Amino acid sequence: MADISDTLPLEKDVSTTSGGACRTCGCTGKNPGYEALNKEMVDIEFQLLAPGMWTLSENYEKISRVFKTKNWNGAIEFINEASAIAEGPVSHHPDIHLTMYREVEVVIWTHAMGGLTLSDFELAKALEGVKIDYSPKWLESHQECLSTKK
């Protein structure tokens, strides 16, 4: 993953941008000073992601993807690699849901802004680089994910 830490904005106080607290978790104080993207910018950034891999929410506030791995270990390997990316220089974290022991959902948005920022799309692009041990049956109907097959 390319080091984009030099291009990230400086921190600013959430209390000046979102009414004093994060809309999701209620945290206050310093958070990365990201600016929410308007619909036009979201459309542009979304088009730069791998075709068919991600879904944009109707309200333009989140991007997500769902996939099925071959087994439990495949799901946990993806989660561990996603964690290493999230803890890297971007310091931006997705919501990751694991259900039915091998179905993974990744949801990305900047909760402090209540919408999408450039960092969300940078994180999505980085996660596209993770090789995944997909369920062969699932992969048959999701050919757009072949480039990320382990």
C-alpha atoms as a PDB file:
ATOM      1  CA  MET A   1       0.000   0.000   0.000  1.00  0.00           C
ATOM      2  CA  ALA A   2       1.291   3.447  -0.866  1.00  0.00           C
ATOM      3  CA  ASP A   3       2.078   5.770   2.025  1.00  0.00           C
ATOM      4  CA  ILE A   4      -0.482   8.556   1.830  1.00  0.00           C
ATOM      5  CA  SER A   5       0.172   9.940   5.304  1.00  0.00           C
ATOM      6  CA  ASP A   6       1.749  13.072   3.811  1.00  0.00           C
ATOM      7  CA  THR A   7      -1.511  13.920   2.051  1.00  0.00           C
ATOM      8  CA  LEU A   8      -3.845  13.444   5.016  1.00  0.00           C
ATOM      9  CA  PRO A   9      -5.376  16.558   6.574  1.00  0.00           C
ATOM     10  CA  LEU A  10      -4.407  17.779  10.000  1.00  0.00           C
ATOM     11  CA  GLU A  11      -6.521  16.900  13.016  1.00  0.00           C
ATOM     12  CA  LYS A  12      -9.248  19.259  14.106  1.00  0.00           C
ATOM     13  CA  ASP A  13     -11.676  19.293  16.986  1.00  0.00           C
ATOM     14  CA  VAL A  14     -14.884  17.355  16.229  1.00  0.00           C
ATOM     15  CA  SER A  15     -16.816  19.813  18.395  1.00  0.00           C
ATOM     16  CA  THR A  16     -16.382  22.454  15.682  1.00  0.00           C
ATOM     17  CA  THR A  17     -17.585  20.212  12.850  1.00  0.00           C
ATOM     18  CA  SER A  18     -20.329  17.962  14.160  1.00  0.00           C
ATOM     19  CA  GLY A  19     -22.123  19.673  17.000  1.00  0.00           C
ATOM     20  CA  GLY A  20     -19.693  18.638  19.743  1.00  0.00           C
ATOM     21  CA  ALA A  21     -19.696  14.862  19.382  1.00  0.00           C
ATOM     22  CA  CYS A  22     -19.348  12.090  16.859  1.00  0.00           C
ATOM     23  CA  ARG A  23     -22.739  11.171  15.398  1.00  0.00           C
ATOM     24  CA  THR A  24     -22.163   7.451  15.877  1.00  0.00           C
ATOM     25  CA  CYS A  25     -20.221   6.774  19.037  1.00  0.00           C
ATOM     26  CA  GLY A  26     -20.530  10.083  20.890  1.00  0.00           C
ATOM     27  CA  CYS A  27     -16.772  10.636  21.187  1.00  0.00           C
ATOM     28  CA  THR A  28     -15.552  14.201  21.528  1.00  0.00           C
ATOM     29  CA  GLY A  29     -12.207  15.904  21.060  1.00  0.00           C
ATOM     30  CA  LYS A  30      -9.627  15.464  18.309  1.00  0.00           C
ATOM     31  CA  ASN A  31     -10.517  13.407  15.245  1.00  0.00           C
ATOM     32  CA  PRO A  32      -8.965  13.515  11.796  1.00  0.00           C
ATOM     33  CA  GLY A  33     -10.108  16.696  10.073  1.00  0.00           C
ATOM     34  CA  TYR A  34     -11.714  15.108   7.068  1.00  0.00           C
ATOM     35  CA  GLU A  35     -14.343  16.830   4.979  1.00  0.00           C
ATOM     36  CA  ALA A  36     -17.445  14.931   3.881  1.00  0.00           C
ATOM     37  CA  LEU A  37     -17.679  14.573   0.108  1.00  0.00           C
ATOM     38  CA  ASN A  38     -20.675  15.872  -1.821  1.00  0.00           C
ATOM     39  CA  LYS A  39     -22.650  13.503  -4.100  1.00  0.00           C
ATOM     40  CA  GLU A  40     -20.738  14.533  -7.202  1.00  0.00           C
ATOM     41  CA  MET A  41     -17.374  13.778  -5.580  1.00  0.00           C
ATOM     42  CA  VAL A  42     -18.693  10.492  -4.174  1.00  0.00           C
ATOM     43  CA  ASP A  43     -19.782   9.458  -7.677  1.00  0.00           C
ATOM     44  CA  ILE A  44     -16.331  10.272  -9.057  1.00  0.00           C
ATOM     45  CA  GLU A  45     -14.464   8.391  -6.322  1.00  0.00           C
ATOM     46  CA  PHE A  46     -16.851   5.429  -6.476  1.00  0.00           C
ATOM     47  CA  GLN A  47     -16.167   5.017 -10.199  1.00  0.00           C
ATOM     48  CA  LEU A  48     -12.454   4.636  -9.402  1.00  0.00           C
ATOM     49  CA  LEU A  49     -13.069   1.535  -7.253  1.00  0.00           C
ATOM     50  CA  ALA A  50     -12.971  -1.979  -8.726  1.00  0.00           C
ATOM     51  CA  PRO A  51     -16.116  -2.382 -10.865  1.00  0.00           C
ATOM     52  CA  GLY A  52     -18.855  -4.443  -9.256  1.00  0.00           C
ATOM     53  CA  MET A  53     -16.962  -5.048  -6.029  1.00  0.00           C
ATOM     54  CA  TRP A  54     -18.443  -2.262  -3.887  1.00  0.00           C
ATOM     55  CA  THR A  55     -21.969  -0.981  -3.270  1.00  0.00           C
ATOM     56  CA  LEU A  56     -22.806   2.659  -2.596  1.00  0.00           C
ATOM     57  CA  SER A  57     -25.620   3.280  -0.116  1.00  0.00           C
ATOM     58  CA  GLU A  58     -28.682   5.122  -1.425  1.00  0.00           C
ATOM     59  CA  ASN A  59     -27.965   8.086   0.857  1.00  0.00           C
ATOM     60  CA  TYR A  60     -24.353   8.340  -0.401  1.00  0.00           C
ATOM     61  CA  GLU A  61     -23.006   7.932   3.143  1.00  0.00           C
ATOM     62  CA  LYS A  62     -21.408   4.460   3.043  1.00  0.00           C
ATOM     63  CA  ILE A  63     -19.688   2.016   0.734  1.00  0.00           C
ATOM     64  CA  SER A  64     -19.765  -1.710   1.396  1.00  0.00           C
ATOM     65  CA  ARG A  65     -18.941  -5.096   0.015  1.00  0.00           C
ATOM     66  CA  VAL A  66     -20.019  -8.605   0.955  1.00  0.00           C
ATOM     67  CA  PHE A  67     -18.280 -11.859   0.101  1.00  0.00           C
ATOM     68  CA  LYS A  68     -18.131 -15.468   1.191  1.00  0.00           C
ATOM     69  CA  THR A  69     -14.837 -17.168   1.997  1.00  0.00           C
ATOM     70  CA  LYS A  70     -14.009 -20.843   1.623  1.00  0.00           C
ATOM     71  CA  ASN A  71     -13.949 -21.369   5.380  1.00  0.00           C
ATOM     72  CA  TRP A  72     -13.527 -19.734   8.812  1.00  0.00           C
ATOM     73  CA  ASN A  73      -9.776 -19.336   8.364  1.00  0.00           C
ATOM     74  CA  GLY A  74     -10.254 -17.472   5.087  1.00  0.00           C
ATOM     75  CA  ALA A  75     -12.565 -14.969   6.785  1.00  0.00           C
ATOM     76  CA  ILE A  76     -10.223 -14.456   9.737  1.00  0.00           C
ATOM     77  CA  GLU A  77      -7.214 -14.032   7.424  1.00  0.00           C
ATOM     78  CA  PHE A  78      -9.042 -11.249   5.582  1.00  0.00           C
ATOM     79  CA  ILE A  79     -10.039  -9.568   8.856  1.00  0.00           C
ATOM     80  CA  ASN A  80      -6.452  -9.718  10.112  1.00  0.00           C
ATOM     81  CA  GLU A  81      -5.086  -8.211   6.885  1.00  0.00           C
ATOM     82  CA  ALA A  82      -7.785  -5.519   6.899  1.00  0.00           C
ATOM     83  CA  SER A  83      -6.837  -4.723  10.483  1.00  0.00           C
ATOM     84  CA  ALA A  84      -3.175  -4.287   9.563  1.00  0.00           C
ATOM     85  CA  ILE A  85      -4.157  -1.902   6.747  1.00  0.00           C
ATOM     86  CA  ALA A  86      -6.516   0.044   9.013  1.00  0.00           C
ATOM     87  CA  GLU A  87      -3.856   0.423  11.702  1.00  0.00           C
ATOM     88  CA  GLY A  88      -1.300   1.615   9.122  1.00  0.00           C
ATOM     89  CA  PRO A  89      -0.492   5.209   8.198  1.00  0.00           C
ATOM     90  CA  VAL A  90      -4.091   5.945   7.146  1.00  0.00           C
ATOM     91  CA  SER A  91      -5.398   5.097  10.625  1.00  0.00           C
ATOM     92  CA  HIS A  92      -8.891   4.641   9.244  1.00  0.00           C
ATOM     93  CA  HIS A  93     -11.043   1.689  10.236  1.00  0.00           C
ATOM     94  CA  PRO A  94     -13.894  -0.122   8.478  1.00  0.00           C
ATOM     95  CA  ASP A  95     -16.819  -1.826  10.137  1.00  0.00           C
ATOM     96  CA  ILE A  96     -16.329  -5.549   9.532  1.00  0.00           C
ATOM     97  CA  HIS A  97     -19.110  -8.050  10.164  1.00  0.00           C
ATOM     98  CA  LEU A  98     -18.572 -11.815  10.139  1.00  0.00           C
ATOM     99  CA  THR A  99     -21.693 -13.983   9.974  1.00  0.00           C
ATOM    100  CA  MET A 100     -22.352 -17.646   9.278  1.00  0.00           C
ATOM    101  CA  TYR A 101     -18.642 -18.271  10.053  1.00  0.00           C
ATOM    102  CA  ARG A 102     -17.451 -17.257   6.576  1.00  0.00           C
ATOM    103  CA  GLU A 103     -19.597 -14.422   5.203  1.00  0.00           C
ATOM    104  CA  VAL A 104     -17.833 -11.076   5.508  1.00  0.00           C
ATOM    105  CA  GLU A 105     -19.344  -7.622   5.131  1.00  0.00           C
ATOM    106  CA  VAL A 106     -17.105  -4.556   5.032  1.00  0.00           C
ATOM    107  CA  VAL A 107     -18.757  -1.168   5.565  1.00  0.00           C
ATOM    108  CA  ILE A 108     -16.713   2.007   5.190  1.00  0.00           C
ATOM    109  CA  TRP A 109     -17.643   5.543   6.159  1.00  0.00           C
ATOM    110  CA  THR A 110     -16.271   8.317   8.338  1.00  0.00           C
ATOM    111  CA  HIS A 111     -18.568   8.233  11.347  1.00  0.00           C
ATOM    112  CA  ALA A 112     -17.237  11.518  12.734  1.00  0.00           C
ATOM    113  CA  MET A 113     -18.444  13.242   9.554  1.00  0.00           C
ATOM    114  CA  GLY A 114     -21.571  11.144   9.066  1.00  0.00           C
ATOM    115  CA  GLY A 115     -20.617  10.379   5.475  1.00  0.00           C
ATOM    116  CA  LEU A 116     -17.904   9.538   2.996  1.00  0.00           C
ATOM    117  CA  THR A 117     -14.485  11.186   2.796  1.00  0.00           C
ATOM    118  CA  LEU A 118     -11.463  10.661   0.572  1.00  0.00           C
ATOM    119  CA  SER A 119      -9.975   8.466   3.314  1.00  0.00           C
ATOM    120  CA  ASP A 120     -12.872   6.035   2.951  1.00  0.00           C
ATOM    121  CA  PHE A 121     -12.080   5.544  -0.719  1.00  0.00           C
ATOM    122  CA  GLU A 122      -8.339   5.225  -0.016  1.00  0.00           C
ATOM    123  CA  LEU A 123      -9.142   2.501   2.520  1.00  0.00           C
ATOM    124  CA  ALA A 124     -11.438   0.705   0.049  1.00  0.00           C
ATOM    125  CA  LYS A 125      -8.711   0.771  -2.611  1.00  0.00           C
ATOM    126  CA  ALA A 126      -6.197  -0.626  -0.116  1.00  0.00           C
ATOM    127  CA  LEU A 127      -8.605  -3.420   0.876  1.00  0.00           C
ATOM    128  CA  GLU A 128      -9.024  -4.318  -2.797  1.00  0.00           C
ATOM    129  CA  GLY A 129      -5.385  -5.420  -2.663  1.00  0.00           C
ATOM    130  CA  VAL A 130      -6.054  -8.136  -0.065  1.00  0.00           C
ATOM    131  CA  LYS A 131      -6.094 -11.618  -1.591  1.00  0.00           C
ATOM    132  CA  ILE A 132      -9.077 -13.623  -0.363  1.00  0.00           C
ATOM    133  CA  ASP A 133      -9.703 -17.371  -0.209  1.00  0.00           C
ATOM    134  CA  TYR A 134     -13.249 -17.145  -1.622  1.00  0.00           C
ATOM    135  CA  SER A 135     -15.837 -19.890  -1.613  1.00  0.00           C
ATOM    136  CA  PRO A 136     -15.504 -21.448  -5.104  1.00  0.00           C
ATOM    137  CA  LYS A 137     -19.291 -21.613  -5.505  1.00  0.00           C
ATOM    138  CA  TRP A 138     -19.702 -17.952  -4.475  1.00  0.00           C
ATOM    139  CA  LEU A 139     -16.902 -16.879  -6.818  1.00  0.00           C
ATOM    140  CA  GLU A 140     -18.641 -18.504  -9.811  1.00  0.00           C
ATOM    141  CA  SER A 141     -21.348 -15.828  -9.656  1.00  0.00           C
ATOM    142  CA  HIS A 142     -18.997 -12.980  -8.646  1.00  0.00           C
ATOM    143  CA  GLN A 143     -16.418 -12.899 -11.412  1.00  0.00           C
ATOM    144  CA  GLU A 144     -15.617  -9.259 -10.636  1.00  0.00           C
ATOM    145  CA  CYS A 145     -13.674 -10.536  -7.617  1.00  0.00           C
ATOM    146  CA  LEU A 146     -11.312 -12.840  -9.542  1.00  0.00           C
ATOM    147  CA  SER A 147      -8.502 -10.306  -9.309  1.00  0.00           C
ATOM    148  CA  THR A 148      -8.525 -10.609  -5.508  1.00  0.00           C
ATOM    149  CA  LYS A 149      -8.684 -14.417  -5.384  1.00  0.00           C
ATOM    150  CA  LYS A 150      -6.015 -16.050  -3.250  1.00  0.00           C
END
